[in-house]
Amino acid sequence: MYSTAHKNLLLQIARDSIEHGLKKSEGWVRAPSEIPSELQEERATFVTLTLGGELRGCIGMLEACRPLAEDVAENACSAAFRDPRFPPLSRAEFDDLHVSISVLSSPEEMGFSSEADLLGKIRPGIDGLILQEGFQKGTFLPSVWEELPETELFFKHLKMKAGLPADYWSDTLRIFRYTAEYIQ
């Protein structure tokens, strides 16, 4: 759990990164060099941008590979300008932009004997899931439970996000779970 001051700093880093991208049109501002040690630990994050309650961009990392503050800065810029589902963010959208950050726990592989067994082990509202089948991969953050509150529906949509049919099942399917701390 991060303190209110740390959460506010991470949100400011995200907004500063996006604002820098709007001014420079490429690149992003690095996190401040004088940041608390808690924000220098390697952590994986997703940065989600919304406008008027609608998704406007979401980019992140599932595995920690850089310091938390830097990960937030880079993912914020990517969500604003490089999410392939949306055009780059405009200056006119910036003031009304809502930024949220998900700081992820390390993913843990789940063991299961069947789809029914797996569905019984998933914790609705808590677990984010990563589905992997060969080269196909998809993830849903725990926040997606707000839109898809039923376990079976959540899992079917995750399969489709990974490019698989909703009714797909295989003994080679790999599922990982993680949790997230939300900062808004």
Protein backbone atom coordinates (compact mmCIF):
# COMPACT_ATOMS: atom_id res chain seq x y z
CA MET A 1 0.00 0.00 0.00
CA TYR A 2 1.31 3.40 -0.96
CA SER A 3 0.81 6.55 1.08
CA THR A 4 -1.47 9.31 -0.18
CA ALA A 5 1.60 11.43 -0.92
CA HIS A 6 3.15 8.61 -2.99
CA LYS A 7 -0.12 8.05 -4.88
CA ASN A 8 -0.42 11.75 -5.64
CA LEU A 9 3.18 11.86 -6.85
CA LEU A 10 2.63 8.89 -9.19
CA LEU A 11 -0.51 10.52 -10.62
CA GLN A 12 1.43 13.76 -11.12
CA ILE A 13 4.26 11.88 -12.85
CA ALA A 14 1.69 10.32 -15.22
CA ARG A 15 0.08 13.69 -16.03
CA ASP A 16 3.48 15.40 -16.43
CA SER A 17 4.56 12.67 -18.85
CA ILE A 18 1.43 13.13 -20.97
CA GLU A 19 1.73 16.91 -20.91
CA HIS A 20 5.37 16.64 -22.00
CA GLY A 21 4.28 14.43 -24.87
CA LEU A 22 1.71 17.03 -25.93
CA LYS A 23 4.35 19.77 -25.95
CA LYS A 24 7.14 17.80 -27.61
CA SER A 25 4.97 15.46 -29.71
CA GLU A 26 7.46 12.66 -29.12
CA GLY A 27 9.40 11.22 -26.24
CA TRP A 28 8.37 11.54 -22.63
CA VAL A 29 9.61 13.06 -19.43
CA ARG A 30 11.52 10.74 -17.14
CA ALA A 31 10.37 10.41 -13.57
CA PRO A 32 11.99 12.95 -11.23
CA SER A 33 15.43 11.88 -10.02
CA GLU A 34 14.48 12.83 -6.45
CA ILE A 35 11.74 10.32 -5.75
CA PRO A 36 11.10 8.28 -2.62
CA SER A 37 12.80 4.88 -2.47
CA GLU A 38 9.37 3.14 -2.39
CA LEU A 39 8.75 4.48 -5.89
CA GLN A 40 12.12 3.30 -7.17
CA GLU A 41 11.39 -0.41 -6.67
CA GLU A 42 10.84 -2.35 -9.89
CA ARG A 43 7.09 -2.81 -10.35
CA ALA A 44 4.80 -3.54 -13.27
CA THR A 45 2.01 -1.05 -13.94
CA PHE A 46 -0.83 -0.24 -16.27
CA VAL A 47 -1.96 3.33 -16.86
CA THR A 48 -5.59 3.74 -17.87
CA LEU A 49 -6.96 6.95 -19.36
CA THR A 50 -10.66 7.77 -19.53
CA LEU A 51 -12.65 10.70 -20.89
CA GLY A 52 -16.24 11.09 -19.76
CA GLY A 53 -16.17 7.60 -18.31
CA GLU A 54 -15.08 6.06 -21.63
CA LEU A 55 -11.75 4.32 -22.19
CA ARG A 56 -9.26 6.59 -23.99
CA GLY A 57 -6.09 4.50 -23.64
CA CYS A 58 -4.58 1.74 -21.54
CA ILE A 59 -1.02 0.48 -21.75
CA GLY A 60 1.12 -1.40 -19.30
CA MET A 61 3.56 -4.13 -18.44
CA LEU A 62 2.80 -7.50 -16.86
CA GLU A 63 6.34 -8.06 -15.61
CA ALA A 64 8.39 -5.58 -13.62
CA CYS A 65 11.37 -4.34 -15.65
CA ARG A 66 12.02 -0.78 -14.43
CA PRO A 67 11.46 1.45 -11.39
CA LEU A 68 7.80 2.13 -10.53
CA ALA A 69 7.91 5.89 -11.19
CA GLU A 70 9.60 5.36 -14.56
CA ASP A 71 7.14 2.61 -15.51
CA VAL A 72 4.24 4.96 -14.74
CA ALA A 73 5.79 7.78 -16.79
CA GLU A 74 6.42 5.58 -19.82
CA ASN A 75 3.07 3.78 -19.69
CA ALA A 76 1.18 7.08 -19.30
CA CYS A 77 2.82 8.46 -22.43
CA SER A 78 2.19 5.22 -24.32
CA ALA A 79 -1.47 5.12 -23.24
CA ALA A 80 -1.95 8.71 -24.43
CA PHE A 81 -0.10 8.50 -27.73
CA ARG A 82 0.59 4.88 -28.70
CA ASP A 83 -2.50 2.81 -27.84
CA PRO A 84 -3.33 1.41 -31.31
CA ARG A 85 -7.07 1.46 -30.53
CA PHE A 86 -7.16 5.27 -30.36
CA PRO A 87 -5.74 8.32 -32.14
CA PRO A 88 -3.06 10.20 -30.19
CA LEU A 89 -4.45 12.31 -27.36
CA SER A 90 -5.07 15.95 -28.25
CA ARG A 91 -4.40 19.05 -26.15
CA ALA A 92 -8.18 19.69 -26.01
CA GLU A 93 -8.72 16.33 -24.28
CA PHE A 94 -6.00 16.75 -21.63
CA ASP A 95 -7.85 18.89 -19.06
CA ASP A 96 -10.79 16.43 -18.81
CA LEU A 97 -8.59 13.33 -18.83
CA HIS A 98 -8.91 10.97 -15.85
CA VAL A 99 -5.75 8.98 -15.08
CA SER A 100 -5.67 5.80 -13.03
CA ILE A 101 -2.71 3.56 -12.28
CA SER A 102 -2.73 -0.16 -11.51
CA VAL A 103 0.37 -1.41 -9.68
CA LEU A 104 0.49 -5.16 -10.25
CA SER A 105 1.67 -7.99 -8.05
CA SER A 106 3.92 -10.60 -9.66
CA PRO A 107 1.85 -13.05 -11.74
CA GLU A 108 1.53 -16.58 -10.35
CA GLU A 109 0.67 -19.55 -12.54
CA MET A 110 -2.55 -21.31 -11.58
CA GLY A 111 -2.91 -25.08 -11.48
CA PHE A 112 -6.21 -26.65 -12.57
CA SER A 113 -7.54 -29.92 -13.97
CA SER A 114 -10.41 -28.62 -16.11
CA GLU A 115 -12.16 -25.42 -17.08
CA ALA A 116 -14.70 -25.95 -14.30
CA ASP A 117 -11.86 -26.40 -11.79
CA LEU A 118 -10.18 -23.22 -13.05
CA LEU A 119 -13.41 -21.19 -12.88
CA GLY A 120 -13.88 -22.32 -9.28
CA LYS A 121 -10.39 -21.05 -8.33
CA ILE A 122 -10.72 -17.57 -9.88
CA ARG A 123 -11.47 -14.85 -7.31
CA PRO A 124 -13.98 -12.41 -8.87
CA GLY A 125 -13.20 -8.77 -8.19
CA ILE A 126 -9.68 -9.64 -6.97
CA ASP A 127 -7.81 -11.52 -9.68
CA GLY A 128 -6.40 -10.11 -12.85
CA LEU A 129 -5.75 -12.93 -15.32
CA ILE A 130 -3.23 -13.64 -18.03
CA LEU A 131 -4.22 -16.31 -20.53
CA GLN A 132 -1.53 -17.85 -22.70
CA GLU A 133 -1.93 -20.44 -25.44
CA GLY A 134 1.18 -20.78 -27.56
CA PHE A 135 1.91 -17.33 -28.97
CA GLN A 136 -1.58 -16.03 -28.19
CA LYS A 137 -1.88 -14.04 -24.99
CA GLY A 138 -4.38 -11.75 -23.32
CA THR A 139 -4.92 -10.13 -19.94
CA PHE A 140 -7.71 -8.49 -18.00
CA LEU A 141 -6.92 -6.26 -15.06
CA PRO A 142 -8.94 -6.88 -11.90
CA SER A 143 -10.92 -3.70 -12.68
CA VAL A 144 -12.54 -5.50 -15.65
CA TRP A 145 -14.70 -7.38 -13.11
CA GLU A 146 -16.77 -4.17 -12.86
CA GLU A 147 -17.85 -4.68 -16.49
CA LEU A 148 -17.85 -8.51 -16.52
CA PRO A 149 -18.82 -9.59 -12.97
CA GLU A 150 -19.61 -13.24 -13.79
CA THR A 151 -16.60 -15.58 -13.78
CA GLU A 152 -17.64 -17.56 -16.85
CA LEU A 153 -18.33 -14.41 -18.88
CA PHE A 154 -15.06 -12.79 -17.71
CA PHE A 155 -13.11 -15.88 -18.83
CA LYS A 156 -14.92 -16.15 -22.20
CA HIS A 157 -14.12 -12.52 -22.98
CA LEU A 158 -10.50 -13.03 -21.95
CA LYS A 159 -10.22 -15.93 -24.40
CA MET A 160 -11.61 -13.74 -27.17
CA LYS A 161 -9.22 -10.93 -26.27
CA ALA A 162 -6.38 -13.44 -26.73
CA GLY A 163 -7.74 -14.26 -30.20
CA LEU A 164 -9.34 -17.56 -29.23
CA PRO A 165 -12.98 -18.65 -29.57
CA ALA A 166 -15.13 -18.04 -26.46
CA ASP A 167 -15.66 -21.80 -26.02
CA TYR A 168 -11.97 -22.69 -26.52
CA TRP A 169 -10.35 -25.17 -24.15
CA SER A 170 -7.01 -26.98 -24.27
CA ASP A 171 -4.83 -28.91 -21.83
CA THR A 172 -1.93 -26.65 -22.84
CA LEU A 173 -3.69 -23.45 -21.77
CA ARG A 174 -1.73 -21.51 -19.15
CA ILE A 175 -3.39 -19.10 -16.73
CA PHE A 176 -1.63 -16.69 -14.39
CA ARG A 177 -3.23 -14.54 -11.72
CA TYR A 178 -2.19 -11.25 -10.17
CA THR A 179 -3.69 -8.51 -8.02
CA ALA A 180 -3.48 -4.75 -8.38
CA GLU A 181 -3.36 -1.69 -6.17
CA TYR A 182 -5.37 1.09 -7.78
CA ILE A 183 -4.33 4.70 -7.70
CA GLN A 184 -6.86 7.28 -8.92
